[in-house]
Amino acid sequence: MRAKKCDRCGKLYEHYDGNKKKGTKDANGLLLIDRDLDKKYWSRSDYDLCPECMVQLIDFISNK
């Protein structure tokens, strides 16, 4: 296993797999993009999130 450091809280954690099926909310990182009116996009920044921070992000996005 490879140890990773959460870009949000700084906690060290072991890599975990997200769900590779398109359209699911199971992810293991965050990628910020710029998108134009035609929905073409360019990546900007990527972030590694520990499982706890990922759950908090999904809850926030889902408005829980």
C-alpha atoms as a PDB file:
ATOM      1  CA  MET A   1       0.000   0.000   0.000  1.00  0.00           C
ATOM      2  CA  ARG A   2       1.035   3.576  -0.593  1.00  0.00           C
ATOM      3  CA  ALA A   3       0.573   6.165   2.113  1.00  0.00           C
ATOM      4  CA  LYS A   4      -1.011   9.437   1.063  1.00  0.00           C
ATOM      5  CA  LYS A   5      -1.553  12.758   2.810  1.00  0.00           C
ATOM      6  CA  CYS A   6      -4.958  14.436   2.745  1.00  0.00           C
ATOM      7  CA  ASP A   7      -4.766  17.845   1.072  1.00  0.00           C
ATOM      8  CA  ARG A   8      -7.578  19.118   3.311  1.00  0.00           C
ATOM      9  CA  CYS A   9      -6.811  17.954   6.867  1.00  0.00           C
ATOM     10  CA  GLY A  10      -3.206  16.761   6.533  1.00  0.00           C
ATOM     11  CA  LYS A  11      -3.953  13.257   7.847  1.00  0.00           C
ATOM     12  CA  LEU A  12      -1.871  10.356   6.522  1.00  0.00           C
ATOM     13  CA  TYR A  13      -3.947   7.504   5.108  1.00  0.00           C
ATOM     14  CA  GLU A  14      -3.575   4.444   2.901  1.00  0.00           C
ATOM     15  CA  HIS A  15      -4.840   4.713  -0.664  1.00  0.00           C
ATOM     16  CA  TYR A  16      -8.445   3.596  -1.092  1.00  0.00           C
ATOM     17  CA  ASP A  17     -10.279   2.865  -4.326  1.00  0.00           C
ATOM     18  CA  GLY A  18     -13.259   4.890  -5.416  1.00  0.00           C
ATOM     19  CA  ASN A  19     -16.005   3.389  -7.550  1.00  0.00           C
ATOM     20  CA  LYS A  20     -14.835   3.377 -11.161  1.00  0.00           C
ATOM     21  CA  LYS A  21     -18.401   3.282 -12.530  1.00  0.00           C
ATOM     22  CA  LYS A  22     -19.338   6.573 -14.172  1.00  0.00           C
ATOM     23  CA  GLY A  23     -22.039   8.570 -12.415  1.00  0.00           C
ATOM     24  CA  THR A  24     -21.447   7.275  -8.890  1.00  0.00           C
ATOM     25  CA  LYS A  25     -20.512   9.472  -5.945  1.00  0.00           C
ATOM     26  CA  ASP A  26     -17.817   7.087  -4.669  1.00  0.00           C
ATOM     27  CA  ALA A  27     -14.579   8.951  -5.340  1.00  0.00           C
ATOM     28  CA  ASN A  28     -11.153   9.171  -3.758  1.00  0.00           C
ATOM     29  CA  GLY A  29     -10.050  12.614  -4.923  1.00  0.00           C
ATOM     30  CA  LEU A  30     -11.147  15.965  -6.253  1.00  0.00           C
ATOM     31  CA  LEU A  31     -10.298  17.611  -9.581  1.00  0.00           C
ATOM     32  CA  LEU A  32     -11.108  21.291 -10.176  1.00  0.00           C
ATOM     33  CA  ILE A  33     -11.821  22.321 -13.754  1.00  0.00           C
ATOM     34  CA  ASP A  34     -12.657  25.332 -15.883  1.00  0.00           C
ATOM     35  CA  ARG A  35     -15.607  24.714 -18.201  1.00  0.00           C
ATOM     36  CA  ASP A  36     -16.829  26.760 -21.161  1.00  0.00           C
ATOM     37  CA  LEU A  37     -20.391  27.187 -22.419  1.00  0.00           C
ATOM     38  CA  ASP A  38     -20.051  24.119 -24.654  1.00  0.00           C
ATOM     39  CA  LYS A  39     -19.024  22.028 -21.609  1.00  0.00           C
ATOM     40  CA  LYS A  40     -15.459  21.634 -22.843  1.00  0.00           C
ATOM     41  CA  TYR A  41     -13.179  21.614 -19.822  1.00  0.00           C
ATOM     42  CA  TRP A  42      -9.585  22.039 -18.709  1.00  0.00           C
ATOM     43  CA  SER A  43      -8.239  20.631 -15.472  1.00  0.00           C
ATOM     44  CA  ARG A  44      -6.719  23.035 -12.970  1.00  0.00           C
ATOM     45  CA  SER A  45      -5.912  21.430  -9.616  1.00  0.00           C
ATOM     46  CA  ASP A  46      -6.268  17.988  -8.108  1.00  0.00           C
ATOM     47  CA  TYR A  47      -6.593  17.086  -4.432  1.00  0.00           C
ATOM     48  CA  ASP A  48      -6.198  13.850  -2.491  1.00  0.00           C
ATOM     49  CA  LEU A  49      -8.825  13.463   0.226  1.00  0.00           C
ATOM     50  CA  CYS A  50      -8.837  10.968   3.093  1.00  0.00           C
ATOM     51  CA  PRO A  51     -12.016   8.884   3.449  1.00  0.00           C
ATOM     52  CA  GLU A  52     -13.384  11.119   6.222  1.00  0.00           C
ATOM     53  CA  CYS A  53     -12.890  14.362   4.264  1.00  0.00           C
ATOM     54  CA  MET A  54     -14.379  12.740   1.152  1.00  0.00           C
ATOM     55  CA  VAL A  55     -17.527  11.791   3.104  1.00  0.00           C
ATOM     56  CA  GLN A  56     -17.784  15.377   4.381  1.00  0.00           C
ATOM     57  CA  LEU A  57     -17.400  16.745   0.840  1.00  0.00           C
ATOM     58  CA  ILE A  58     -20.057  14.395  -0.575  1.00  0.00           C
ATOM     59  CA  ASP A  59     -22.416  15.324   2.289  1.00  0.00           C
ATOM     60  CA  PHE A  60     -21.815  19.030   1.586  1.00  0.00           C
ATOM     61  CA  ILE A  61     -22.398  18.634  -2.151  1.00  0.00           C
ATOM     62  CA  SER A  62     -25.501  16.525  -1.492  1.00  0.00           C
ATOM     63  CA  ASN A  63     -26.734  19.234   0.927  1.00  0.00           C
ATOM     64  CA  LYS A  64     -26.980  16.895   3.935  1.00  0.00           C
END
